[in-house]
Protein backbone atom coordinates (compact mmCIF):
# COMPACT_ATOMS: atom_id res chain seq x y z
CA UNK A 1 123.52 117.39 59.63
CA UNK A 2 122.67 113.78 61.12
CA UNK A 3 120.77 113.18 64.06
CA UNK A 4 122.02 110.27 66.06
CA UNK A 5 119.12 107.49 66.86
CA UNK A 6 118.33 107.26 70.50
CA UNK A 7 117.43 104.00 71.72
CA UNK A 8 115.62 103.18 74.71
CA UNK A 9 115.45 99.69 76.22
CA UNK A 10 112.00 97.95 76.18
CA UNK A 11 112.53 97.63 80.11
CA UNK A 12 112.89 101.59 80.50
CA UNK A 13 110.07 102.16 78.04
CA UNK A 14 107.92 100.00 80.13
CA UNK A 15 108.66 101.62 83.37
CA UNK A 16 107.90 105.09 81.99
CA UNK A 17 104.74 104.04 80.62
CA UNK A 18 103.61 102.44 84.11
CA UNK A 19 104.82 105.79 85.55
CA UNK A 20 102.77 107.93 83.59
CA UNK A 21 99.78 105.11 84.12
CA UNK A 22 100.07 105.62 88.01
CA UNK A 23 100.57 109.26 87.76
CA UNK A 24 97.40 109.75 85.51
CA UNK A 25 95.39 107.13 87.99
CA UNK A 26 96.51 108.75 91.23
CA UNK A 27 95.71 112.08 89.73
CA UNK A 28 92.13 111.10 88.98
CA UNK A 29 91.67 108.82 92.13
CA UNK A 30 92.07 112.30 94.57
CA UNK A 31 93.50 110.24 97.50
CA UNK A 32 93.36 112.18 101.02
CA UNK A 33 96.33 112.90 102.86
CA UNK A 34 95.48 110.19 105.37
CA UNK A 35 95.00 107.58 102.56
CA UNK A 36 98.56 108.67 101.06
CA UNK A 37 99.96 108.06 104.70
CA UNK A 38 98.27 104.81 105.04
CA UNK A 39 99.86 103.59 101.83
CA UNK A 40 103.24 104.54 102.89
CA UNK A 41 102.77 102.72 106.33
CA UNK A 42 101.74 99.60 104.65
CA UNK A 43 104.74 100.05 102.01
CA UNK A 44 106.78 100.38 105.40
CA UNK A 45 105.21 97.08 106.40
CA UNK A 46 105.85 95.27 103.10
CA UNK A 47 109.36 94.18 104.10
CA UNK A 48 107.96 92.25 107.12
CA UNK A 49 105.06 90.63 105.06
CA UNK A 50 107.46 89.60 102.30
CA UNK A 51 104.34 88.88 99.91
CA UNK A 52 103.24 91.22 96.96
CA UNK A 53 99.86 89.77 97.04
CA UNK A 54 99.63 90.48 100.94
CA UNK A 55 100.61 94.18 100.25
CA UNK A 56 98.21 94.65 97.54
CA UNK A 57 95.30 93.00 99.38
CA UNK A 58 96.11 95.28 102.57
CA UNK A 59 96.25 98.57 100.10
CA UNK A 60 92.85 97.51 98.68
CA UNK A 61 91.19 97.74 102.34
CA UNK A 62 92.26 100.82 103.02
CA UNK A 63 89.40 102.60 101.50
CA UNK A 64 86.36 101.43 103.49
CA UNK A 65 83.69 104.12 103.05
CA UNK A 66 81.04 103.62 100.45
CA UNK A 67 80.63 107.04 99.04
CA UNK A 68 80.49 107.73 95.49
CA UNK A 69 84.24 109.36 95.45
CA UNK A 70 85.37 106.27 97.76
CA UNK A 71 83.87 103.98 95.21
CA UNK A 72 85.74 105.66 92.19
CA UNK A 73 88.94 105.58 94.52
CA UNK A 74 88.73 101.79 94.95
CA UNK A 75 88.28 101.22 91.32
CA UNK A 76 91.24 103.23 90.31
CA UNK A 77 93.31 101.81 93.18
CA UNK A 78 92.42 98.36 91.88
CA UNK A 79 93.11 99.25 88.35
CA UNK A 80 96.95 100.60 89.65
CA UNK A 81 97.19 97.32 91.53
CA UNK A 82 96.45 95.15 88.67
CA UNK A 83 99.52 96.62 87.06
CA UNK A 84 101.82 95.87 90.10
CA UNK A 85 103.75 92.36 89.16
CA UNK A 86 106.90 93.00 90.51
CA UNK A 87 108.83 94.68 93.78
CA UNK A 88 109.92 97.43 91.26
CA UNK A 89 106.57 98.24 90.15
CA UNK A 90 105.31 98.45 93.54
CA UNK A 91 108.30 100.93 94.43
CA UNK A 92 107.20 103.28 91.32
CA UNK A 93 103.57 103.27 92.67
CA UNK A 94 105.06 104.33 96.15
CA UNK A 95 106.98 106.99 94.54
């Protein structure tokens, strides 16, 4: 019995890897419900801002506390936003 080879395009493979990366970091960051709501609100404004850099800067500003948890959250968020290069990446992050 022969098994047919499955081919996955590079684009789909990259999206899957990025999704796993975002999921892993979102779990580690332990964002609060209010922070997630703020992310969604800012994403809603994204269509008006028209600039990926603007939305990334606004998302970075959502965490203002200086506690140890907040510092870790900022680091994880910065790492995640460093992986957002295109609109599809931002949609994946928000998903």
